[in-house]
N, C-alpha and C. Protein backbone atom coordinates (compact mmCIF):
# COMPACT_ATOMS: atom_id res chain seq x y z
N MET A 1 -8.47 -8.28 -1.61
CA MET A 1 -9.06 -7.92 -0.22
C MET A 1 -9.27 -9.16 0.99
N THR A 2 -8.81 -8.86 2.08
CA THR A 2 -8.70 -10.02 3.28
C THR A 2 -10.14 -9.91 3.81
N ALA A 3 -10.35 -11.18 4.28
CA ALA A 3 -11.79 -11.30 5.13
C ALA A 3 -11.41 -10.73 6.43
N LEU A 4 -12.60 -10.06 6.90
CA LEU A 4 -12.38 -9.69 8.44
C LEU A 4 -12.14 -10.88 9.47
N ALA A 5 -11.31 -10.63 9.90
CA ALA A 5 -10.89 -11.74 11.31
C ALA A 5 -11.82 -11.27 12.08
N THR A 6 -12.49 -12.93 12.69
CA THR A 6 -13.61 -12.44 13.84
C THR A 6 -13.36 -13.62 14.77
N ASP A 7 -13.40 -13.31 15.98
CA ASP A 7 -13.31 -13.99 17.32
C ASP A 7 -13.93 -13.38 18.28
N THR A 8 -13.22 -12.93 19.33
CA THR A 8 -13.55 -12.52 20.25
C THR A 8 -13.76 -10.90 20.49
N ARG A 9 -14.72 -9.82 21.00
CA ARG A 9 -14.77 -8.80 21.20
C ARG A 9 -14.22 -8.42 22.47
N ARG A 10 -13.33 -7.38 22.48
CA ARG A 10 -12.54 -6.88 23.44
C ARG A 10 -12.33 -5.66 23.57
N ALA A 11 -12.05 -5.03 24.71
CA ALA A 11 -12.05 -3.37 24.87
C ALA A 11 -10.62 -3.25 24.86
N LEU A 12 -9.88 -2.26 24.27
CA LEU A 12 -8.61 -1.99 23.93
C LEU A 12 -7.97 -0.88 25.02
N GLY A 13 -9.07 0.06 24.76
CA GLY A 13 -8.74 1.38 25.63
C GLY A 13 -9.95 2.58 25.31
N ARG A 14 -9.37 3.61 25.92
CA ARG A 14 -10.15 4.85 25.51
C ARG A 14 -9.91 5.31 24.01
N ALA A 15 -11.17 5.81 23.62
CA ALA A 15 -11.01 6.06 22.20
C ALA A 15 -10.78 7.34 21.96
N ASP A 16 -10.56 8.29 23.21
CA ASP A 16 -9.78 9.60 22.73
C ASP A 16 -8.46 9.74 22.80
N ALA A 17 -7.83 8.55 22.98
CA ALA A 17 -6.25 8.61 23.03
C ALA A 17 -5.86 8.33 21.41
N ILE A 18 -6.78 8.15 20.71
CA ILE A 18 -6.26 8.08 18.95
C ILE A 18 -7.03 9.24 18.37
N PRO A 19 -6.30 10.27 18.14
CA PRO A 19 -6.74 11.55 17.45
C PRO A 19 -6.75 11.36 16.03
N ASN A 20 -7.57 12.03 15.20
CA ASN A 20 -7.61 12.08 13.64
C ASN A 20 -6.11 12.01 13.13
N ASN A 21 -5.69 10.82 11.92
CA ASN A 21 -4.63 10.83 11.35
C ASN A 21 -3.64 10.42 12.40
N PHE A 22 -3.91 9.43 13.08
CA PHE A 22 -2.79 8.95 13.99
C PHE A 22 -3.05 7.32 14.10
N VAL A 23 -1.73 6.94 14.36
CA VAL A 23 -2.19 5.13 14.41
C VAL A 23 -1.40 4.70 16.05
N VAL A 24 -2.24 3.76 16.43
CA VAL A 24 -1.63 3.53 17.92
C VAL A 24 -1.62 1.79 17.75
N PRO A 25 -0.30 1.37 18.38
CA PRO A 25 -0.46 -0.20 18.22
C PRO A 25 -0.72 -0.82 19.55
N TYR A 26 -1.40 -2.11 19.46
CA TYR A 26 -1.78 -2.69 20.85
C TYR A 26 -1.22 -4.16 20.57
N TYR A 27 -0.88 -4.71 21.80
CA TYR A 27 -0.84 -6.00 21.57
C TYR A 27 -1.72 -6.94 22.43
N LEU A 28 -2.34 -7.96 21.59
CA LEU A 28 -3.41 -8.60 22.43
C LEU A 28 -2.48 -10.16 22.67
N SER A 29 -1.85 -10.23 23.90
CA SER A 29 -1.00 -11.17 24.54
C SER A 29 -1.87 -12.43 24.58
N ASP A 30 -3.01 -12.62 24.64
CA ASP A 30 -3.74 -13.95 24.51
C ASP A 30 -3.53 -14.44 23.48
N ARG A 31 -3.77 -13.42 22.45
CA ARG A 31 -3.60 -14.23 20.98
C ARG A 31 -2.05 -14.07 20.13
N LYS A 32 -1.28 -13.48 20.91
CA LYS A 32 0.25 -13.17 20.66
C LYS A 32 -0.02 -12.38 19.24
N LEU A 33 -0.87 -11.34 19.26
CA LEU A 33 -1.24 -10.46 17.92
C LEU A 33 -0.92 -9.01 17.96
N ARG A 34 -0.25 -8.34 17.02
CA ARG A 34 -0.11 -7.04 17.23
C ARG A 34 -0.84 -6.28 16.25
N VAL A 35 -1.64 -5.48 16.81
CA VAL A 35 -2.64 -4.71 15.86
C VAL A 35 -2.23 -3.32 16.01
N SER A 36 -2.81 -2.53 14.79
CA SER A 36 -2.86 -0.93 14.85
C SER A 36 -4.33 -0.41 14.73
N ILE A 37 -4.62 0.85 15.42
CA ILE A 37 -5.83 0.96 15.33
C ILE A 37 -5.53 2.66 14.80
N ALA A 38 -6.27 2.83 13.88
CA ALA A 38 -5.96 4.09 13.25
C ALA A 38 -7.37 5.00 13.28
N ARG A 39 -7.21 6.31 13.44
CA ARG A 39 -8.46 7.09 12.96
C ARG A 39 -8.16 8.09 12.10
N VAL A 40 -9.15 7.95 11.09
CA VAL A 40 -8.88 8.85 9.78
C VAL A 40 -10.20 9.17 9.27
N ALA A 41 -10.49 10.78 9.44
CA ALA A 41 -11.76 11.67 9.23
C ALA A 41 -12.70 10.99 10.22
N ASP A 42 -12.35 10.65 11.57
CA ASP A 42 -13.22 10.42 12.90
C ASP A 42 -13.81 8.97 12.73
N ARG A 43 -13.09 7.94 11.65
CA ARG A 43 -13.55 6.56 11.71
C ARG A 43 -12.40 6.06 12.04
N LEU A 44 -12.73 4.95 12.75
CA LEU A 44 -11.68 4.27 13.33
C LEU A 44 -11.32 2.94 12.32
N TYR A 45 -10.13 2.17 12.08
CA TYR A 45 -9.68 1.28 11.35
C TYR A 45 -8.79 0.44 12.14
N ALA A 46 -8.72 -0.89 12.06
CA ALA A 46 -8.08 -1.79 12.80
C ALA A 46 -7.44 -2.99 11.84
N PHE A 47 -6.26 -2.90 12.06
CA PHE A 47 -5.34 -3.81 10.94
C PHE A 47 -4.15 -4.64 11.63
N SER A 48 -3.49 -5.40 11.13
CA SER A 48 -2.05 -5.95 11.50
C SER A 48 -1.29 -4.99 11.47
N ASP A 49 -0.45 -5.06 12.83
CA ASP A 49 0.65 -3.93 12.77
C ASP A 49 1.80 -4.33 12.24
N LEU A 50 1.66 -5.52 11.88
CA LEU A 50 3.28 -6.14 11.21
C LEU A 50 3.10 -6.11 9.68
N CYS A 51 4.05 -5.47 8.78
CA CYS A 51 3.95 -5.44 7.27
C CYS A 51 4.03 -6.83 6.85
N THR A 52 3.88 -6.91 5.89
CA THR A 52 4.09 -8.48 5.45
C THR A 52 5.09 -8.73 4.21
N CYS A 53 5.87 -7.76 4.18
CA CYS A 53 7.04 -7.88 3.42
C CYS A 53 8.01 -8.83 4.07
N HIS A 54 8.49 -9.80 3.28
CA HIS A 54 9.98 -10.36 3.74
C HIS A 54 11.07 -10.28 3.49
N PRO A 55 11.90 -11.04 4.04
CA PRO A 55 11.91 -11.68 5.29
C PRO A 55 11.75 -11.10 6.58
N GLN A 56 11.59 -9.82 6.81
CA GLN A 56 11.51 -9.39 8.14
C GLN A 56 10.39 -8.37 8.27
N ALA A 57 9.39 -8.60 8.92
CA ALA A 57 8.14 -7.90 9.10
C ALA A 57 8.88 -6.53 10.01
N CYS A 58 8.32 -5.37 9.68
CA CYS A 58 8.28 -4.02 10.17
C CYS A 58 6.71 -3.79 10.94
N PRO A 59 6.69 -2.88 12.18
CA PRO A 59 5.58 -2.62 12.55
C PRO A 59 5.13 -1.27 11.92
N LEU A 60 4.01 -1.31 11.18
CA LEU A 60 3.32 -0.18 10.57
C LEU A 60 3.00 0.77 11.41
N SER A 61 2.61 0.49 12.65
CA SER A 61 2.42 1.76 13.37
C SER A 61 3.54 2.83 13.53
N GLY A 62 4.57 2.35 13.02
CA GLY A 62 5.77 3.35 13.05
C GLY A 62 5.79 4.05 11.34
N GLY A 63 4.73 3.71 10.75
CA GLY A 63 4.88 4.27 9.41
C GLY A 63 3.78 5.42 8.94
N LEU A 64 4.35 5.77 7.66
CA LEU A 64 3.51 7.02 7.46
C LEU A 64 1.99 6.71 7.06
N LEU A 65 1.32 7.43 7.87
CA LEU A 65 -0.37 7.26 7.42
C LEU A 65 -0.85 8.68 6.46
N THR A 66 -1.27 8.23 5.46
CA THR A 66 -1.82 9.52 4.38
C THR A 66 -3.14 8.96 3.95
N GLY A 67 -4.28 9.74 4.95
CA GLY A 67 -5.64 9.07 4.37
C GLY A 67 -5.72 7.76 5.16
N THR A 68 -6.33 6.79 4.23
CA THR A 68 -6.22 5.42 4.76
C THR A 68 -5.16 4.57 4.06
N THR A 69 -3.95 5.11 3.59
CA THR A 69 -3.04 4.22 3.08
C THR A 69 -1.97 4.69 4.20
N ILE A 70 -1.47 3.63 4.80
CA ILE A 70 -0.15 3.39 5.42
C ILE A 70 1.01 2.75 4.86
N MET A 71 2.18 3.41 4.96
CA MET A 71 3.41 3.12 4.28
C MET A 71 4.23 2.72 5.41
N CYS A 72 4.98 1.25 4.79
CA CYS A 72 5.68 0.44 5.63
C CYS A 72 7.22 1.39 5.96
N GLN A 73 7.47 1.54 7.23
CA GLN A 73 8.75 2.51 7.77
C GLN A 73 10.34 1.76 6.65
N CYS A 74 10.06 0.46 6.79
CA CYS A 74 11.20 -0.38 6.48
C CYS A 74 11.55 -0.61 4.92
N HIS A 75 10.55 -0.93 4.16
CA HIS A 75 10.64 -1.15 2.81
C HIS A 75 9.95 -0.38 1.85
N GLY A 76 8.76 0.45 2.31
CA GLY A 76 8.06 1.09 1.74
C GLY A 76 6.83 0.60 1.09
N SER A 77 6.46 -0.39 1.34
CA SER A 77 5.22 -1.11 1.02
C SER A 77 3.95 -0.23 1.46
N ARG A 78 2.83 -0.26 0.78
CA ARG A 78 1.91 0.86 0.93
C ARG A 78 0.54 -0.40 1.22
N PHE A 79 -0.27 0.08 1.82
CA PHE A 79 -1.55 -0.85 2.32
C PHE A 79 -2.42 -0.12 2.40
N ASP A 80 -3.83 -0.34 2.06
CA ASP A 80 -5.03 0.15 2.07
C ASP A 80 -5.72 -0.30 3.42
N ILE A 81 -5.65 0.76 4.79
CA ILE A 81 -6.08 0.01 5.97
C ILE A 81 -7.52 -0.28 6.26
N ALA A 82 -8.45 0.16 4.81
CA ALA A 82 -9.87 -0.39 5.29
C ALA A 82 -9.84 -1.72 4.73
N THR A 83 -9.16 -1.94 3.82
CA THR A 83 -9.33 -3.51 3.25
C THR A 83 -8.15 -4.36 3.42
N GLY A 84 -6.88 -3.67 4.08
CA GLY A 84 -5.57 -4.56 3.78
C GLY A 84 -5.08 -4.77 2.68
N ALA A 85 -5.81 -4.20 1.53
CA ALA A 85 -5.06 -4.70 0.32
C ALA A 85 -3.66 -3.98 -0.02
N VAL A 86 -3.03 -4.65 -0.61
CA VAL A 86 -1.45 -4.11 -0.99
C VAL A 86 -1.68 -3.06 -2.11
N ILE A 87 -1.16 -1.70 -1.91
CA ILE A 87 -0.91 -0.61 -2.82
C ILE A 87 0.10 -0.78 -3.72
N ALA A 88 1.20 -0.96 -3.00
CA ALA A 88 2.41 -1.04 -3.96
C ALA A 88 3.13 -2.00 -3.01
N GLY A 89 4.29 -2.83 -3.37
CA GLY A 89 5.01 -3.58 -2.88
C GLY A 89 6.41 -2.86 -2.66
N PRO A 90 7.22 -3.79 -2.01
CA PRO A 90 7.66 -5.12 -2.21
C PRO A 90 6.55 -6.06 -1.72
N ALA A 91 5.74 -5.66 -0.43
CA ALA A 91 4.96 -6.84 -0.18
C ALA A 91 4.13 -7.27 -1.10
N THR A 92 3.53 -8.58 -1.05
CA THR A 92 2.50 -9.07 -2.15
C THR A 92 1.33 -9.45 -1.08
N GLU A 93 1.42 -9.99 -0.03
CA GLU A 93 0.29 -10.56 1.19
C GLU A 93 -0.30 -8.93 1.76
N ALA A 94 -1.54 -9.21 1.57
CA ALA A 94 -2.59 -8.23 2.11
C ALA A 94 -2.56 -8.29 3.59
N LEU A 95 -2.89 -7.12 4.44
CA LEU A 95 -2.84 -7.30 6.09
C LEU A 95 -4.04 -7.88 6.37
N GLY A 96 -4.12 -8.29 7.51
CA GLY A 96 -5.23 -8.65 7.98
C GLY A 96 -6.12 -7.29 8.65
N VAL A 97 -7.55 -7.40 8.15
CA VAL A 97 -8.26 -6.18 9.09
C VAL A 97 -8.95 -6.99 10.01
N TYR A 98 -9.78 -6.03 11.05
CA TYR A 98 -10.38 -6.44 12.18
C TYR A 98 -11.64 -5.23 12.34
N GLU A 99 -12.69 -5.78 12.84
CA GLU A 99 -13.75 -5.01 13.14
C GLU A 99 -13.45 -4.31 14.47
N VAL A 100 -13.70 -3.22 14.35
CA VAL A 100 -13.18 -2.16 15.38
C VAL A 100 -14.64 -1.21 15.32
N GLN A 101 -14.95 -0.75 16.67
CA GLN A 101 -15.92 0.37 17.07
C GLN A 101 -15.66 1.16 18.18
N GLU A 102 -16.57 2.18 18.48
CA GLU A 102 -16.33 2.76 19.48
C GLU A 102 -17.52 2.92 20.16
N VAL A 103 -17.34 2.28 21.67
CA VAL A 103 -18.90 2.13 22.46
C VAL A 103 -18.52 2.63 23.66
N ASP A 104 -19.31 3.96 23.96
CA ASP A 104 -19.24 4.73 25.02
C ASP A 104 -17.93 5.03 25.20
N GLY A 105 -17.06 5.97 24.52
CA GLY A 105 -15.69 6.09 24.72
C GLY A 105 -14.74 5.39 24.65
N THR A 106 -15.11 3.85 24.46
CA THR A 106 -13.98 2.62 24.45
C THR A 106 -13.83 2.13 23.13
N ILE A 107 -12.60 1.72 22.86
CA ILE A 107 -12.42 1.27 21.75
C ILE A 107 -12.51 -0.39 21.81
N HIS A 108 -13.31 -1.09 20.81
CA HIS A 108 -13.54 -2.61 20.69
C HIS A 108 -13.28 -3.22 19.77
N ILE A 109 -12.61 -3.99 19.52
CA ILE A 109 -11.85 -4.52 18.41
C ILE A 109 -12.55 -6.22 18.31
N ARG A 110 -12.85 -6.89 17.29
CA ARG A 110 -13.02 -8.28 17.22
C ARG A 110 -11.77 -9.04 16.56
N ALA A 111 -10.94 -9.73 17.30
CA ALA A 111 -9.85 -10.19 16.77
C ALA A 111 -9.67 -11.57 17.43
């Protein structure tokens, strides 16, 4: 499991833009960081949008979300979006996960 990345809390957008069992990518330009926000069973999860498989990282936001498991569309690696842990390779490195919450209908992330 990876440690939660913490830095500055920021608003990303409307929470109702992410329905259950759906993933939406965001780009934090000041950090040059791609993150995905997923909603599963009415709970939000935030994690790195790029798969850790090498040599080429693929966007996980285009992968298959099943419960709290997301599968990379390029190489089939699977990750637990709650912890970032690798469930199945070829990836061996965990994903970064971030604190996320819904406040007054807006998604806030600490990244």
